Amino acid sequence: MSQIIKNLASGGPLPPAIPTSFTTDYNATFTGTGTSVPQANVENVIGGFTSFDDNDGIATQANPNGDKNLIILLTNRVFGSQSSVNGAVIDLITVDLGSAPAVYRFQVEVVGRDTTSGDGAGYTIFGTVKTDGITATGIETPYADVDEDASLLPSIVQIVPSGNNGILRITGIVGKTIAYKAVGTYLKV
């Protein structure tokens, strides 16, 4: 084992100190910067995601559950999971478009599995929705890349405007229970 001994009287830089705080992009409520404070020299660095809009696509957040927690977040992300039973229409992801005029471009990956037969489906949906701050409107027809087992061909996956929301809406199949999961990203201007 090697050791370094430094005579502080001889000059030169001091060894680094242990950090006492970490400034982050956002606080727990995304209203400004935050500070995460280690406790007993322990700092928890945790990964996560949020739908919060950030131009970099990644941000840091302080103290979401108290001191010593610093979260590295993938931003501009949406997620949902739910099952359609007997042809039910489900809103798998709902994004509130906010009170200011804006345009959102969504890219969402969706996977579905018939819980009885095990048959599956996969989709990539690209769609654009705008808002005037009160009402959402779709721009053109969303594009979908579709891979479905033959038994799941009648299902419908789409991005639709409703109220002031952009929604990933799925119509299931009568007589089937289909479990769906989706994750996606968006750009906003």
Protein backbone atom coordinates (compact mmCIF):
# COMPACT_ATOMS: atom_id res chain seq x y z
CA MET A 1 0.00 0.00 0.00
CA SER A 2 1.41 3.37 -0.93
CA GLN A 3 0.90 6.57 0.94
CA ILE A 4 1.42 10.16 -0.01
CA ILE A 5 2.69 12.46 2.68
CA LYS A 6 2.53 16.17 2.05
CA ASN A 7 4.23 18.71 4.20
CA LEU A 8 1.77 21.61 4.09
CA ALA A 9 4.48 24.05 5.18
CA SER A 10 6.37 23.46 1.91
CA GLY A 11 3.56 25.04 -0.17
CA GLY A 12 1.71 23.64 -3.14
CA PRO A 13 -1.96 22.82 -3.56
CA LEU A 14 -4.00 21.32 -0.77
CA PRO A 15 -5.73 18.02 -1.29
CA PRO A 16 -9.36 18.38 -2.45
CA ALA A 17 -12.08 18.86 0.15
CA ILE A 18 -15.22 16.76 0.30
CA PRO A 19 -18.11 18.59 -1.41
CA THR A 20 -20.75 19.89 0.96
CA SER A 21 -23.43 20.60 -1.65
CA PHE A 22 -24.31 20.03 -5.31
CA THR A 23 -26.15 22.68 -7.33
CA THR A 24 -28.65 21.14 -9.76
CA ASP A 25 -30.64 22.37 -12.76
CA TYR A 26 -33.96 22.11 -10.91
CA ASN A 27 -35.40 21.78 -7.43
CA ALA A 28 -38.05 19.21 -6.49
CA THR A 29 -40.86 21.19 -8.17
CA PHE A 30 -38.95 22.29 -11.32
CA THR A 31 -39.31 25.96 -10.35
CA GLY A 32 -35.63 26.85 -10.30
CA THR A 33 -32.23 25.52 -9.40
CA GLY A 34 -31.85 23.29 -6.39
CA THR A 35 -29.16 22.14 -4.02
CA SER A 36 -28.58 18.58 -2.89
CA VAL A 37 -26.76 18.31 0.43
CA PRO A 38 -24.89 15.09 1.34
CA GLN A 39 -25.58 13.63 4.76
CA ALA A 40 -22.70 11.96 6.62
CA ASN A 41 -20.64 12.23 3.41
CA VAL A 42 -23.25 10.22 1.47
CA GLU A 43 -24.88 11.50 -1.71
CA ASN A 44 -27.41 9.29 -3.53
CA VAL A 45 -27.21 9.73 -7.32
CA ILE A 46 -30.30 8.19 -8.90
CA GLY A 47 -31.50 7.88 -12.50
CA GLY A 48 -35.01 8.68 -13.65
CA PHE A 49 -37.18 10.37 -16.26
CA THR A 50 -39.74 13.15 -16.42
CA SER A 51 -42.13 14.71 -18.90
CA PHE A 52 -40.76 18.14 -17.92
CA ASP A 53 -39.59 20.12 -21.00
CA ASP A 54 -35.83 20.74 -21.06
CA ASN A 55 -33.92 21.56 -24.27
CA ASP A 56 -30.94 19.37 -23.35
CA GLY A 57 -33.00 16.20 -22.91
CA ILE A 58 -31.23 15.58 -19.60
CA ALA A 59 -31.25 17.49 -16.32
CA THR A 60 -30.39 17.20 -12.66
CA GLN A 61 -32.91 17.60 -9.86
CA ALA A 62 -32.24 18.13 -6.16
CA ASN A 63 -34.00 16.89 -3.07
CA PRO A 64 -37.09 15.23 -4.53
CA ASN A 65 -37.32 13.07 -1.38
CA GLY A 66 -35.17 15.04 1.04
CA ASP A 67 -31.47 15.85 1.27
CA LYS A 68 -28.71 13.66 -0.16
CA ASN A 69 -30.75 12.72 -3.26
CA LEU A 70 -29.60 13.97 -6.64
CA ILE A 71 -31.50 12.63 -9.67
CA ILE A 72 -30.14 12.53 -13.21
CA LEU A 73 -33.28 12.83 -15.35
CA LEU A 74 -34.02 12.09 -18.97
CA THR A 75 -36.47 14.88 -19.82
CA ASN A 76 -39.20 15.33 -22.42
CA ARG A 77 -40.29 11.71 -21.91
CA VAL A 78 -43.72 10.15 -21.66
CA PHE A 79 -44.65 6.69 -20.39
CA GLY A 80 -47.78 4.61 -19.93
CA SER A 81 -48.92 1.03 -19.40
CA GLN A 82 -52.44 -0.33 -19.31
CA SER A 83 -54.58 -3.15 -20.71
CA SER A 84 -57.45 -2.99 -23.18
CA VAL A 85 -60.16 -5.49 -22.24
CA ASN A 86 -62.76 -6.68 -24.76
CA GLY A 87 -62.11 -3.94 -27.33
CA ALA A 88 -61.98 -1.05 -24.87
CA VAL A 89 -60.51 2.27 -25.97
CA ILE A 90 -57.69 3.32 -23.61
CA ASP A 91 -55.75 6.55 -23.35
CA LEU A 92 -52.32 5.09 -22.66
CA ILE A 93 -50.51 8.45 -22.40
CA THR A 94 -52.05 11.90 -21.90
CA VAL A 95 -49.91 15.04 -22.17
CA ASP A 96 -51.33 18.37 -20.98
CA LEU A 97 -50.17 20.86 -23.62
CA GLY A 98 -50.18 23.82 -21.24
CA SER A 99 -51.72 27.28 -21.22
CA ALA A 100 -49.37 28.93 -23.75
CA PRO A 101 -49.47 28.42 -27.53
CA ALA A 102 -47.04 25.63 -28.52
CA VAL A 103 -46.36 22.84 -31.00
CA TYR A 104 -45.38 19.33 -29.84
CA ARG A 105 -43.76 16.60 -31.93
CA PHE A 106 -44.13 13.12 -30.41
CA GLN A 107 -42.23 9.91 -31.15
CA VAL A 108 -43.64 6.98 -29.20
CA GLU A 109 -42.70 3.28 -29.11
CA VAL A 110 -45.59 0.95 -28.19
CA VAL A 111 -45.64 -2.78 -27.53
CA GLY A 112 -48.71 -4.95 -26.95
CA ARG A 113 -49.26 -8.59 -25.97
CA ASP A 114 -52.42 -10.66 -25.97
CA THR A 115 -52.43 -12.03 -22.42
CA THR A 116 -54.07 -15.31 -23.49
CA SER A 117 -52.41 -16.28 -26.78
CA GLY A 118 -49.12 -14.42 -26.32
CA ASP A 119 -49.48 -12.82 -29.76
CA GLY A 120 -47.79 -9.44 -30.01
CA ALA A 121 -47.66 -6.10 -31.74
CA GLY A 122 -45.20 -3.25 -31.93
CA TYR A 123 -45.65 0.30 -33.14
CA THR A 124 -43.66 3.47 -33.62
CA ILE A 125 -45.90 6.51 -33.83
CA PHE A 126 -44.83 9.97 -35.03
CA GLY A 127 -47.34 12.79 -34.60
CA THR A 128 -47.57 16.55 -34.17
CA VAL A 129 -50.14 18.36 -32.02
CA LYS A 130 -50.45 22.09 -31.46
CA THR A 131 -52.29 24.18 -28.90
CA ASP A 132 -53.45 27.76 -28.74
CA GLY A 133 -53.29 27.44 -24.95
CA ILE A 134 -56.91 26.30 -24.76
CA THR A 135 -57.57 23.70 -27.45
CA ALA A 136 -55.36 21.02 -29.00
CA THR A 137 -55.36 20.41 -32.76
CA GLY A 138 -53.69 17.62 -34.73
CA ILE A 139 -51.37 18.54 -37.60
CA GLU A 140 -51.71 16.08 -40.50
CA THR A 141 -52.27 12.37 -39.89
CA PRO A 142 -49.70 10.80 -37.55
CA TYR A 143 -47.35 8.29 -39.18
CA ALA A 144 -47.26 4.77 -37.71
CA ASP A 145 -44.84 1.91 -38.33
CA VAL A 146 -46.88 -1.19 -37.48
CA ASP A 147 -45.82 -4.79 -36.72
CA GLU A 148 -48.73 -7.02 -35.64
CA ASP A 149 -49.44 -10.71 -35.38
CA ALA A 150 -52.46 -11.50 -37.59
CA SER A 151 -54.78 -11.87 -34.57
CA LEU A 152 -54.05 -8.26 -33.50
CA LEU A 153 -54.54 -6.61 -36.91
CA PRO A 154 -57.82 -4.90 -36.01
CA SER A 155 -56.27 -2.89 -33.13
CA ILE A 156 -55.74 0.86 -33.64
CA VAL A 157 -52.92 2.94 -32.13
CA GLN A 158 -52.93 6.71 -32.76
CA ILE A 159 -51.96 10.13 -31.44
CA VAL A 160 -55.04 12.34 -31.14
CA PRO A 161 -55.84 15.82 -29.78
CA SER A 162 -58.54 16.01 -27.13
CA GLY A 163 -59.42 19.06 -25.07
CA ASN A 164 -56.00 20.65 -24.55
CA ASN A 165 -54.14 17.32 -24.49
CA GLY A 166 -52.10 15.17 -26.85
CA ILE A 167 -53.17 11.56 -26.29
CA LEU A 168 -51.78 8.18 -27.30
CA ARG A 169 -55.08 6.33 -27.80
CA ILE A 170 -55.45 2.61 -28.41
CA THR A 171 -58.53 0.69 -29.50
CA GLY A 172 -58.32 -2.96 -28.48
CA ILE A 173 -60.03 -6.03 -29.92
CA VAL A 174 -63.36 -7.53 -28.84
CA GLY A 175 -62.85 -10.78 -26.94
CA LYS A 176 -59.18 -10.08 -26.12
CA THR A 177 -57.20 -8.63 -23.22
CA ILE A 178 -54.13 -6.88 -24.57
CA ALA A 179 -51.47 -5.45 -22.27
CA TYR A 180 -49.77 -2.33 -23.68
CA LYS A 181 -46.69 -0.38 -22.67
CA ALA A 182 -45.34 2.77 -24.32
CA VAL A 183 -42.43 5.14 -23.91
CA GLY A 184 -41.71 8.19 -25.99
CA THR A 185 -40.16 11.58 -26.34
CA TYR A 186 -41.35 14.96 -27.50
CA LEU A 187 -40.02 18.28 -28.75
CA LYS A 188 -41.83 21.51 -27.95
CA VAL A 189 -41.59 24.97 -29.41
